[in-house]
Amino acid sequence: MTASAGEVRNLALYPNPEIDGLRLAFDLAVDGVGLSELRASIRRGDRLQSEVWLYRWTP
């Protein structure tokens, strides 16, 4: 997981039995940031295991 601005903290990946998949959870610290582009994907070794999730966070 990456953020173009701010800091990603407390990153965790949990099983989600309702969809037989995974759930990503995180905190974003954005002290004074106007916007941040977030990007996440799940990998196993060098292989991509999920789509790439993109989100533009604004206050």
N, C-alpha and C. Protein backbone atom coordinates (compact mmCIF):
# COMPACT_ATOMS: atom_id res chain seq x y z
N MET A 1 0.85 -1.17 0.00
CA MET A 1 0.00 0.00 0.00
C MET A 1 0.89 1.22 0.00
N THR A 2 0.53 2.17 -0.84
CA THR A 2 1.28 3.42 -0.91
C THR A 2 0.33 4.60 -0.85
N ALA A 3 0.85 5.73 -0.41
CA ALA A 3 0.11 6.99 -0.40
C ALA A 3 1.02 8.05 -0.98
N SER A 4 0.48 8.88 -1.86
CA SER A 4 1.29 9.94 -2.48
C SER A 4 1.63 11.03 -1.48
N ALA A 5 0.81 11.18 -0.44
CA ALA A 5 1.06 12.15 0.62
C ALA A 5 0.49 11.58 1.91
N GLY A 6 1.05 11.96 3.03
CA GLY A 6 0.64 11.39 4.30
C GLY A 6 1.38 10.08 4.56
N GLU A 7 0.98 9.39 5.61
CA GLU A 7 1.65 8.15 6.01
C GLU A 7 0.63 7.06 6.29
N VAL A 8 0.81 5.90 5.68
CA VAL A 8 -0.04 4.74 5.94
C VAL A 8 0.47 4.07 7.21
N ARG A 9 -0.45 3.81 8.14
CA ARG A 9 -0.11 3.18 9.42
C ARG A 9 -1.06 2.02 9.70
N ASN A 10 -0.64 1.14 10.59
CA ASN A 10 -1.47 0.04 11.08
C ASN A 10 -2.08 -0.79 9.95
N LEU A 11 -1.29 -1.10 8.96
CA LEU A 11 -1.72 -1.89 7.81
C LEU A 11 -1.98 -3.33 8.26
N ALA A 12 -3.15 -3.87 7.92
CA ALA A 12 -3.49 -5.24 8.31
C ALA A 12 -4.36 -5.87 7.23
N LEU A 13 -4.20 -7.17 7.05
CA LEU A 13 -4.97 -7.94 6.09
C LEU A 13 -5.71 -9.03 6.85
N TYR A 14 -7.04 -9.08 6.71
CA TYR A 14 -7.88 -10.00 7.46
C TYR A 14 -8.68 -10.89 6.51
N PRO A 15 -8.98 -12.13 6.91
CA PRO A 15 -9.89 -12.95 6.12
C PRO A 15 -11.29 -12.33 6.15
N ASN A 16 -11.99 -12.40 5.03
CA ASN A 16 -13.38 -11.93 4.95
C ASN A 16 -14.24 -13.10 4.48
N PRO A 17 -14.77 -13.90 5.42
CA PRO A 17 -15.50 -15.11 5.05
C PRO A 17 -16.79 -14.84 4.27
N GLU A 18 -17.36 -13.64 4.40
CA GLU A 18 -18.60 -13.33 3.68
C GLU A 18 -18.40 -13.35 2.17
N ILE A 19 -17.20 -13.03 1.71
CA ILE A 19 -16.92 -13.04 0.27
C ILE A 19 -15.85 -14.05 -0.08
N ASP A 20 -15.46 -14.86 0.89
CA ASP A 20 -14.38 -15.84 0.72
C ASP A 20 -13.15 -15.15 0.15
N GLY A 21 -12.81 -14.01 0.76
CA GLY A 21 -11.67 -13.22 0.29
C GLY A 21 -10.95 -12.56 1.45
N LEU A 22 -10.37 -11.43 1.19
CA LEU A 22 -9.59 -10.70 2.18
C LEU A 22 -10.09 -9.28 2.32
N ARG A 23 -9.81 -8.68 3.48
CA ARG A 23 -10.14 -7.27 3.74
C ARG A 23 -8.86 -6.57 4.20
N LEU A 24 -8.57 -5.44 3.59
CA LEU A 24 -7.42 -4.62 3.94
C LEU A 24 -7.89 -3.49 4.84
N ALA A 25 -7.19 -3.28 5.94
CA ALA A 25 -7.51 -2.18 6.85
C ALA A 25 -6.24 -1.37 7.08
N PHE A 26 -6.40 -0.06 7.28
CA PHE A 26 -5.24 0.81 7.50
C PHE A 26 -5.72 2.14 8.06
N ASP A 27 -4.79 2.89 8.60
CA ASP A 27 -5.01 4.27 9.02
C ASP A 27 -4.15 5.14 8.11
N LEU A 28 -4.65 6.33 7.80
CA LEU A 28 -3.90 7.29 6.99
C LEU A 28 -3.70 8.55 7.81
N ALA A 29 -2.46 8.88 8.12
CA ALA A 29 -2.13 10.11 8.83
C ALA A 29 -1.82 11.19 7.80
N VAL A 30 -2.60 12.27 7.81
CA VAL A 30 -2.52 13.26 6.74
C VAL A 30 -2.34 14.69 7.25
N ASP A 31 -1.61 14.88 8.29
CA ASP A 31 -1.42 16.19 8.90
C ASP A 31 -1.18 17.28 7.87
N GLY A 32 -2.20 18.09 7.60
CA GLY A 32 -2.07 19.22 6.70
C GLY A 32 -2.06 18.90 5.22
N VAL A 33 -2.34 17.67 4.84
CA VAL A 33 -2.31 17.26 3.43
C VAL A 33 -3.65 17.59 2.78
N GLY A 34 -3.62 18.14 1.57
CA GLY A 34 -4.83 18.49 0.85
C GLY A 34 -5.48 17.32 0.13
N LEU A 35 -4.67 16.39 -0.36
CA LEU A 35 -5.19 15.16 -0.97
C LEU A 35 -4.09 14.13 -1.00
N SER A 36 -4.50 12.87 -1.12
CA SER A 36 -3.54 11.78 -1.20
C SER A 36 -4.08 10.71 -2.14
N GLU A 37 -3.24 10.26 -3.04
CA GLU A 37 -3.60 9.16 -3.94
C GLU A 37 -3.18 7.86 -3.26
N LEU A 38 -4.14 6.99 -2.98
CA LEU A 38 -3.86 5.71 -2.33
C LEU A 38 -3.88 4.60 -3.36
N ARG A 39 -2.97 3.64 -3.19
CA ARG A 39 -2.87 2.50 -4.12
C ARG A 39 -2.56 1.27 -3.29
N ALA A 40 -3.31 0.19 -3.54
CA ALA A 40 -3.07 -1.07 -2.82
C ALA A 40 -3.30 -2.25 -3.74
N SER A 41 -2.55 -3.31 -3.49
CA SER A 41 -2.76 -4.58 -4.17
C SER A 41 -2.22 -5.67 -3.25
N ILE A 42 -2.67 -6.89 -3.48
CA ILE A 42 -2.22 -8.02 -2.68
C ILE A 42 -1.31 -8.88 -3.56
N ARG A 43 -0.14 -9.20 -3.03
CA ARG A 43 0.83 -10.02 -3.75
C ARG A 43 1.22 -11.21 -2.90
N ARG A 44 1.54 -12.28 -3.57
CA ARG A 44 2.15 -13.44 -2.93
C ARG A 44 3.47 -13.65 -3.65
N GLY A 45 4.56 -13.32 -2.96
CA GLY A 45 5.86 -13.32 -3.62
C GLY A 45 5.86 -12.25 -4.69
N ASP A 46 6.21 -12.61 -5.90
CA ASP A 46 6.23 -11.66 -7.01
C ASP A 46 4.93 -11.64 -7.81
N ARG A 47 3.96 -12.49 -7.42
CA ARG A 47 2.72 -12.62 -8.20
C ARG A 47 1.60 -11.78 -7.62
N LEU A 48 0.95 -11.03 -8.48
CA LEU A 48 -0.21 -10.23 -8.10
C LEU A 48 -1.38 -11.15 -7.81
N GLN A 49 -2.02 -10.98 -6.65
CA GLN A 49 -3.14 -11.83 -6.25
C GLN A 49 -4.48 -11.11 -6.27
N SER A 50 -4.48 -9.82 -6.57
CA SER A 50 -5.72 -9.04 -6.57
C SER A 50 -5.63 -7.95 -7.64
N GLU A 51 -6.74 -7.30 -7.85
CA GLU A 51 -6.73 -6.11 -8.68
C GLU A 51 -5.99 -5.01 -7.93
N VAL A 52 -5.66 -3.93 -8.61
CA VAL A 52 -5.04 -2.77 -7.97
C VAL A 52 -6.16 -1.83 -7.58
N TRP A 53 -6.20 -1.49 -6.30
CA TRP A 53 -7.22 -0.60 -5.75
C TRP A 53 -6.65 0.81 -5.73
N LEU A 54 -7.37 1.78 -6.29
CA LEU A 54 -6.95 3.18 -6.32
C LEU A 54 -8.03 4.04 -5.70
N TYR A 55 -7.61 5.06 -4.93
CA TYR A 55 -8.58 5.95 -4.31
C TYR A 55 -7.92 7.31 -4.10
N ARG A 56 -8.64 8.37 -4.40
CA ARG A 56 -8.15 9.71 -4.14
C ARG A 56 -8.84 10.21 -2.87
N TRP A 57 -8.06 10.36 -1.80
CA TRP A 57 -8.59 10.84 -0.53
C TRP A 57 -8.50 12.36 -0.50
N THR A 58 -9.58 13.01 -0.10
CA THR A 58 -9.59 14.46 0.12
C THR A 58 -10.28 14.73 1.44
N PRO A 59 -9.86 15.78 2.14
CA PRO A 59 -10.48 16.09 3.45
C PRO A 59 -11.90 16.56 3.31
